[in-house]
Amino acid sequence: MNDSDVHLKKFQKELSAGTVSLALLAVLSKAEEPMYGYLIAKQLERVGEGVLSGKQSALYPVLRNLEGAGLLDSFVEPSMSGPPRRYYRITEAGRHTLREWVSAWRATRDSVDSVLLGILE
């Protein structure tokens, strides 16, 4: 792996840290029912165009952190096809936080886009 690859991987890791949390809250805010991890990951793959980069295991610590912060609730239900499943749903605090994060994301995206305007075009 060359230096360029190392720098790109580090940048992608740093960039994804907050965006995964934002995407998880967004998916759960649109869900009509609580969802378990695998369904959330599949939804992110379907609409998120690589936000997880194929790392479903990275989802679970983020879900636990969001729950610990009071942004998600969870409960466990038995499963007919395997181990019990933990279902997640967004809380009112999570919805409020999501609105703030969306505003911050858009402001950051617009600011960075304006700085990058004209580069590599």
N, C-alpha and C. Protein backbone atom coordinates (compact mmCIF):
# COMPACT_ATOMS: atom_id res chain seq x y z
N MET A 1 0.85 -1.19 0.00
CA MET A 1 0.00 0.00 0.00
C MET A 1 0.90 1.25 0.00
N ASN A 2 0.67 2.15 -0.95
CA ASN A 2 1.51 3.35 -1.02
C ASN A 2 0.97 4.45 -0.09
N ASP A 3 1.74 5.53 0.04
CA ASP A 3 1.36 6.63 0.93
C ASP A 3 0.01 7.23 0.57
N SER A 4 -0.26 7.33 -0.72
CA SER A 4 -1.52 7.89 -1.17
C SER A 4 -2.70 7.07 -0.67
N ASP A 5 -2.57 5.74 -0.75
CA ASP A 5 -3.63 4.85 -0.27
C ASP A 5 -3.83 4.99 1.24
N VAL A 6 -2.73 5.10 1.96
CA VAL A 6 -2.79 5.25 3.42
C VAL A 6 -3.51 6.55 3.78
N HIS A 7 -3.16 7.63 3.11
CA HIS A 7 -3.80 8.92 3.38
C HIS A 7 -5.29 8.88 3.05
N LEU A 8 -5.64 8.24 1.94
CA LEU A 8 -7.04 8.15 1.56
C LEU A 8 -7.83 7.34 2.58
N LYS A 9 -7.30 6.20 3.01
CA LYS A 9 -7.98 5.37 4.01
C LYS A 9 -8.20 6.13 5.31
N LYS A 10 -7.19 6.86 5.76
CA LYS A 10 -7.30 7.65 6.99
C LYS A 10 -8.37 8.73 6.84
N PHE A 11 -8.36 9.42 5.71
CA PHE A 11 -9.35 10.46 5.44
C PHE A 11 -10.76 9.88 5.44
N GLN A 12 -10.93 8.74 4.75
CA GLN A 12 -12.25 8.11 4.69
C GLN A 12 -12.74 7.67 6.07
N LYS A 13 -11.82 7.15 6.88
CA LYS A 13 -12.20 6.72 8.23
C LYS A 13 -12.66 7.91 9.07
N GLU A 14 -11.90 9.00 9.01
CA GLU A 14 -12.26 10.19 9.77
C GLU A 14 -13.58 10.79 9.28
N LEU A 15 -13.76 10.79 7.99
CA LEU A 15 -14.97 11.34 7.41
C LEU A 15 -16.20 10.51 7.76
N SER A 16 -16.05 9.20 7.79
CA SER A 16 -17.21 8.33 8.02
C SER A 16 -17.67 8.32 9.47
N ALA A 17 -16.81 8.71 10.41
CA ALA A 17 -17.16 8.64 11.83
C ALA A 17 -18.49 9.33 12.13
N GLY A 18 -18.66 10.55 11.71
CA GLY A 18 -19.90 11.28 11.98
C GLY A 18 -21.00 10.99 10.99
N THR A 19 -20.63 10.70 9.75
CA THR A 19 -21.65 10.50 8.73
C THR A 19 -22.44 9.21 8.96
N VAL A 20 -21.82 8.19 9.54
CA VAL A 20 -22.56 6.95 9.82
C VAL A 20 -23.63 7.23 10.87
N SER A 21 -23.29 7.98 11.91
CA SER A 21 -24.29 8.33 12.94
C SER A 21 -25.44 9.12 12.33
N LEU A 22 -25.12 10.07 11.49
CA LEU A 22 -26.15 10.87 10.82
C LEU A 22 -27.04 9.99 9.96
N ALA A 23 -26.44 9.10 9.18
CA ALA A 23 -27.20 8.21 8.31
C ALA A 23 -28.08 7.25 9.11
N LEU A 24 -27.57 6.73 10.22
CA LEU A 24 -28.37 5.82 11.05
C LEU A 24 -29.59 6.53 11.61
N LEU A 25 -29.40 7.72 12.14
CA LEU A 25 -30.55 8.46 12.66
C LEU A 25 -31.56 8.75 11.55
N ALA A 26 -31.06 9.08 10.36
CA ALA A 26 -31.96 9.38 9.24
C ALA A 26 -32.78 8.15 8.86
N VAL A 27 -32.13 6.99 8.76
CA VAL A 27 -32.84 5.76 8.41
C VAL A 27 -33.90 5.45 9.45
N LEU A 28 -33.53 5.54 10.72
CA LEU A 28 -34.49 5.21 11.78
C LEU A 28 -35.60 6.25 11.90
N SER A 29 -35.33 7.48 11.51
CA SER A 29 -36.39 8.50 11.57
C SER A 29 -37.46 8.25 10.50
N LYS A 30 -37.08 7.60 9.40
CA LYS A 30 -38.03 7.31 8.32
C LYS A 30 -38.74 5.98 8.52
N ALA A 31 -38.22 5.14 9.42
CA ALA A 31 -38.78 3.80 9.60
C ALA A 31 -40.14 3.87 10.28
N GLU A 32 -41.08 3.10 9.77
CA GLU A 32 -42.41 3.07 10.37
C GLU A 32 -42.46 2.18 11.61
N GLU A 33 -41.49 1.25 11.70
CA GLU A 33 -41.41 0.34 12.84
C GLU A 33 -39.96 0.25 13.29
N PRO A 34 -39.73 -0.19 14.54
CA PRO A 34 -38.34 -0.41 14.97
C PRO A 34 -37.63 -1.40 14.03
N MET A 35 -36.33 -1.23 13.90
CA MET A 35 -35.54 -2.07 12.99
C MET A 35 -34.38 -2.69 13.74
N TYR A 36 -33.98 -3.90 13.32
CA TYR A 36 -32.78 -4.50 13.91
C TYR A 36 -31.59 -4.25 12.98
N GLY A 37 -30.39 -4.47 13.53
CA GLY A 37 -29.16 -4.06 12.86
C GLY A 37 -29.02 -4.48 11.42
N TYR A 38 -29.32 -5.74 11.12
CA TYR A 38 -29.15 -6.22 9.75
C TYR A 38 -30.06 -5.46 8.79
N LEU A 39 -31.30 -5.20 9.20
CA LEU A 39 -32.23 -4.45 8.34
C LEU A 39 -31.75 -3.01 8.13
N ILE A 40 -31.22 -2.42 9.20
CA ILE A 40 -30.68 -1.06 9.09
C ILE A 40 -29.52 -1.05 8.10
N ALA A 41 -28.62 -2.02 8.22
CA ALA A 41 -27.47 -2.11 7.31
C ALA A 41 -27.93 -2.28 5.87
N LYS A 42 -28.93 -3.14 5.65
CA LYS A 42 -29.45 -3.35 4.28
C LYS A 42 -30.07 -2.08 3.73
N GLN A 43 -30.79 -1.34 4.58
CA GLN A 43 -31.39 -0.08 4.14
C GLN A 43 -30.29 0.93 3.78
N LEU A 44 -29.25 0.98 4.59
CA LEU A 44 -28.14 1.89 4.29
C LEU A 44 -27.45 1.51 2.98
N GLU A 45 -27.29 0.21 2.74
CA GLU A 45 -26.69 -0.23 1.47
C GLU A 45 -27.58 0.18 0.30
N ARG A 46 -28.88 0.05 0.48
CA ARG A 46 -29.82 0.33 -0.60
C ARG A 46 -29.85 1.82 -0.95
N VAL A 47 -29.89 2.68 0.07
CA VAL A 47 -30.04 4.11 -0.21
C VAL A 47 -28.79 4.93 0.06
N GLY A 48 -27.83 4.36 0.79
CA GLY A 48 -26.69 5.15 1.24
C GLY A 48 -25.49 5.16 0.35
N GLU A 49 -25.50 4.38 -0.73
CA GLU A 49 -24.40 4.36 -1.69
C GLU A 49 -23.03 4.29 -1.01
N GLY A 50 -22.85 3.30 -0.14
CA GLY A 50 -21.53 3.06 0.42
C GLY A 50 -21.22 3.75 1.72
N VAL A 51 -22.21 4.31 2.40
CA VAL A 51 -21.93 5.01 3.66
C VAL A 51 -21.29 4.07 4.69
N LEU A 52 -21.61 2.78 4.62
CA LEU A 52 -20.99 1.80 5.53
C LEU A 52 -19.76 1.15 4.92
N SER A 53 -19.56 1.31 3.65
CA SER A 53 -18.43 0.71 2.93
C SER A 53 -18.30 -0.79 3.20
N GLY A 54 -19.41 -1.48 3.27
CA GLY A 54 -19.41 -2.92 3.46
C GLY A 54 -19.01 -3.39 4.85
N LYS A 55 -18.95 -2.48 5.80
CA LYS A 55 -18.53 -2.84 7.16
C LYS A 55 -19.73 -2.81 8.10
N GLN A 56 -20.58 -3.83 7.98
CA GLN A 56 -21.77 -3.88 8.82
C GLN A 56 -21.43 -3.94 10.30
N SER A 57 -20.30 -4.57 10.63
CA SER A 57 -19.92 -4.70 12.04
C SER A 57 -19.68 -3.33 12.68
N ALA A 58 -19.31 -2.34 11.88
CA ALA A 58 -19.08 -0.99 12.39
C ALA A 58 -20.38 -0.34 12.85
N LEU A 59 -21.49 -0.87 12.40
CA LEU A 59 -22.80 -0.32 12.72
C LEU A 59 -23.15 -0.47 14.19
N TYR A 60 -22.84 -1.62 14.77
CA TYR A 60 -23.30 -1.94 16.12
C TYR A 60 -22.72 -1.04 17.21
N PRO A 61 -21.42 -0.73 17.20
CA PRO A 61 -20.93 0.21 18.21
C PRO A 61 -21.58 1.59 18.08
N VAL A 62 -21.85 2.01 16.85
CA VAL A 62 -22.48 3.32 16.63
C VAL A 62 -23.91 3.29 17.18
N LEU A 63 -24.65 2.20 16.92
CA LEU A 63 -26.00 2.08 17.47
C LEU A 63 -25.97 2.14 19.00
N ARG A 64 -25.02 1.43 19.61
CA ARG A 64 -24.91 1.44 21.08
C ARG A 64 -24.58 2.85 21.60
N ASN A 65 -23.69 3.55 20.90
CA ASN A 65 -23.34 4.91 21.31
C ASN A 65 -24.54 5.85 21.20
N LEU A 66 -25.29 5.73 20.12
CA LEU A 66 -26.47 6.58 19.94
C LEU A 66 -27.52 6.28 21.01
N GLU A 67 -27.65 5.00 21.36
CA GLU A 67 -28.59 4.63 22.42
C GLU A 67 -28.09 5.17 23.76
N GLY A 68 -26.82 5.03 24.03
CA GLY A 68 -26.24 5.54 25.27
C GLY A 68 -26.42 7.04 25.42
N ALA A 69 -26.46 7.75 24.31
CA ALA A 69 -26.66 9.20 24.32
C ALA A 69 -28.14 9.57 24.41
N GLY A 70 -29.02 8.57 24.43
CA GLY A 70 -30.45 8.84 24.53
C GLY A 70 -31.12 9.17 23.20
N LEU A 71 -30.40 8.95 22.09
CA LEU A 71 -30.96 9.29 20.78
C LEU A 71 -31.75 8.13 20.17
N LEU A 72 -31.51 6.92 20.69
CA LEU A 72 -32.24 5.73 20.27
C LEU A 72 -32.70 4.96 21.50
N ASP A 73 -33.78 4.21 21.34
CA ASP A 73 -34.23 3.21 22.31
C ASP A 73 -34.06 1.87 21.65
N SER A 74 -33.94 0.82 22.46
CA SER A 74 -33.88 -0.52 21.88
C SER A 74 -34.59 -1.51 22.79
N PHE A 75 -34.96 -2.63 22.20
CA PHE A 75 -35.54 -3.74 22.95
C PHE A 75 -35.16 -5.02 22.23
N VAL A 76 -35.18 -6.13 22.95
CA VAL A 76 -34.78 -7.42 22.39
C VAL A 76 -36.03 -8.29 22.25
N GLU A 77 -36.13 -8.97 21.11
CA GLU A 77 -37.21 -9.91 20.87
C GLU A 77 -36.62 -11.23 20.38
N PRO A 78 -37.23 -12.35 20.77
CA PRO A 78 -36.76 -13.64 20.26
C PRO A 78 -36.93 -13.70 18.75
N SER A 79 -36.11 -14.51 18.12
CA SER A 79 -36.19 -14.70 16.68
C SER A 79 -36.46 -16.18 16.39
N MET A 80 -37.30 -16.43 15.42
CA MET A 80 -37.61 -17.81 15.03
C MET A 80 -36.42 -18.46 14.31
N SER A 81 -35.59 -17.63 13.69
CA SER A 81 -34.53 -18.18 12.83
C SER A 81 -33.13 -18.04 13.41
N GLY A 82 -33.00 -17.73 14.69
CA GLY A 82 -31.66 -17.60 15.25
C GLY A 82 -31.70 -16.95 16.61
N PRO A 83 -30.61 -16.27 16.96
CA PRO A 83 -30.54 -15.62 18.27
C PRO A 83 -31.53 -14.46 18.37
N PRO A 84 -31.82 -14.00 19.58
CA PRO A 84 -32.72 -12.85 19.74
C PRO A 84 -32.18 -11.64 18.98
N ARG A 85 -33.08 -10.77 18.57
CA ARG A 85 -32.69 -9.56 17.82
C ARG A 85 -32.96 -8.32 18.65
N ARG A 86 -32.03 -7.38 18.56
CA ARG A 86 -32.22 -6.09 19.23
C ARG A 86 -32.77 -5.11 18.19
N TYR A 87 -33.94 -4.55 18.51
CA TYR A 87 -34.60 -3.59 17.63
C TYR A 87 -34.34 -2.17 18.15
N TYR A 88 -34.16 -1.24 17.22
CA TYR A 88 -33.89 0.15 17.55
C TYR A 88 -34.96 1.06 16.98
N ARG A 89 -35.24 2.13 17.73
CA ARG A 89 -36.12 3.19 17.23
C ARG A 89 -35.57 4.52 17.72
N ILE A 90 -35.82 5.56 16.95
CA ILE A 90 -35.32 6.89 17.30
C ILE A 90 -36.22 7.49 18.39
N THR A 91 -35.60 8.24 19.30
CA THR A 91 -36.33 8.93 20.36
C THR A 91 -36.65 10.36 19.91
N GLU A 92 -37.43 11.07 20.71
CA GLU A 92 -37.69 12.48 20.40
C GLU A 92 -36.39 13.28 20.45
N ALA A 93 -35.54 12.97 21.42
CA ALA A 93 -34.22 13.63 21.49
C ALA A 93 -33.42 13.33 20.23
N GLY A 94 -33.55 12.10 19.72
CA GLY A 94 -32.86 11.71 18.49
C GLY A 94 -33.37 12.50 17.30
N ARG A 95 -34.69 12.70 17.24
CA ARG A 95 -35.26 13.50 16.13
C ARG A 95 -34.77 14.94 16.18
N HIS A 96 -34.73 15.51 17.38
CA HIS A 96 -34.23 16.88 17.55
C HIS A 96 -32.77 16.97 17.12
N THR A 97 -31.96 16.01 17.60
CA THR A 97 -30.54 15.98 17.25
C THR A 97 -30.35 15.80 15.75
N LEU A 98 -31.16 14.93 15.15
CA LEU A 98 -31.07 14.72 13.70
C LEU A 98 -31.29 16.02 12.94
N ARG A 99 -32.29 16.80 13.33
CA ARG A 99 -32.54 18.09 12.66
C ARG A 99 -31.31 18.99 12.77
N GLU A 100 -30.70 19.04 13.96
CA GLU A 100 -29.50 19.87 14.14
C GLU A 100 -28.34 19.36 13.30
N TRP A 101 -28.15 18.03 13.28
CA TRP A 101 -27.06 17.44 12.51
C TRP A 101 -27.24 17.65 11.02
N VAL A 102 -28.48 17.56 10.55
CA VAL A 102 -28.75 17.77 9.12
C VAL A 102 -28.38 19.21 8.74
N SER A 103 -28.75 20.17 9.59
CA SER A 103 -28.38 21.57 9.32
C SER A 103 -26.86 21.74 9.31
N ALA A 104 -26.20 21.14 10.28
CA ALA A 104 -24.74 21.24 10.35
C ALA A 104 -24.09 20.57 9.14
N TRP A 105 -24.62 19.40 8.75
CA TRP A 105 -24.09 18.68 7.58
C TRP A 105 -24.22 19.54 6.32
N ARG A 106 -25.40 20.11 6.11
CA ARG A 106 -25.64 20.90 4.90
C ARG A 106 -24.75 22.14 4.87
N ALA A 107 -24.59 22.79 6.01
CA ALA A 107 -23.73 23.98 6.07
C ALA A 107 -22.28 23.59 5.77
N THR A 108 -21.84 22.49 6.35
CA THR A 108 -20.47 22.02 6.11
C THR A 108 -20.28 21.62 4.66
N ARG A 109 -21.24 20.84 4.13
CA ARG A 109 -21.15 20.41 2.72
C ARG A 109 -21.08 21.62 1.79
N ASP A 110 -21.97 22.60 2.02
CA ASP A 110 -21.99 23.78 1.15
C ASP A 110 -20.69 24.57 1.25
N SER A 111 -20.17 24.69 2.47
CA SER A 111 -18.92 25.43 2.69
C SER A 111 -17.75 24.74 1.97
N VAL A 112 -17.64 23.43 2.16
CA VAL A 112 -16.56 22.68 1.52
C VAL A 112 -16.73 22.71 0.00
N ASP A 113 -17.95 22.53 -0.47
CA ASP A 113 -18.19 22.60 -1.92
C ASP A 113 -17.77 23.94 -2.50
N SER A 114 -18.02 25.02 -1.78
CA SER A 114 -17.64 26.33 -2.32
C SER A 114 -16.13 26.48 -2.37
N VAL A 115 -15.41 25.90 -1.41
CA VAL A 115 -13.94 25.95 -1.42
C VAL A 115 -13.40 25.09 -2.56
N LEU A 116 -14.05 23.95 -2.81
CA LEU A 116 -13.58 23.01 -3.84
C LEU A 116 -13.99 23.40 -5.25
N LEU A 117 -14.86 24.39 -5.39
CA LEU A 117 -15.37 24.80 -6.70
C LEU A 117 -14.23 25.05 -7.68
N GLY A 118 -14.30 24.39 -8.81
CA GLY A 118 -13.30 24.59 -9.85
C GLY A 118 -12.13 23.64 -9.80
N ILE A 119 -12.01 22.88 -8.72
CA ILE A 119 -10.92 21.90 -8.60
C ILE A 119 -11.33 20.61 -9.29
N LEU A 120 -10.45 20.05 -10.07
CA LEU A 120 -10.66 18.76 -10.74
C LEU A 120 -11.86 18.75 -11.67
N GLU A 121 -12.19 19.89 -12.24
CA GLU A 121 -13.31 19.91 -13.19
C GLU A 121 -12.81 20.06 -14.59
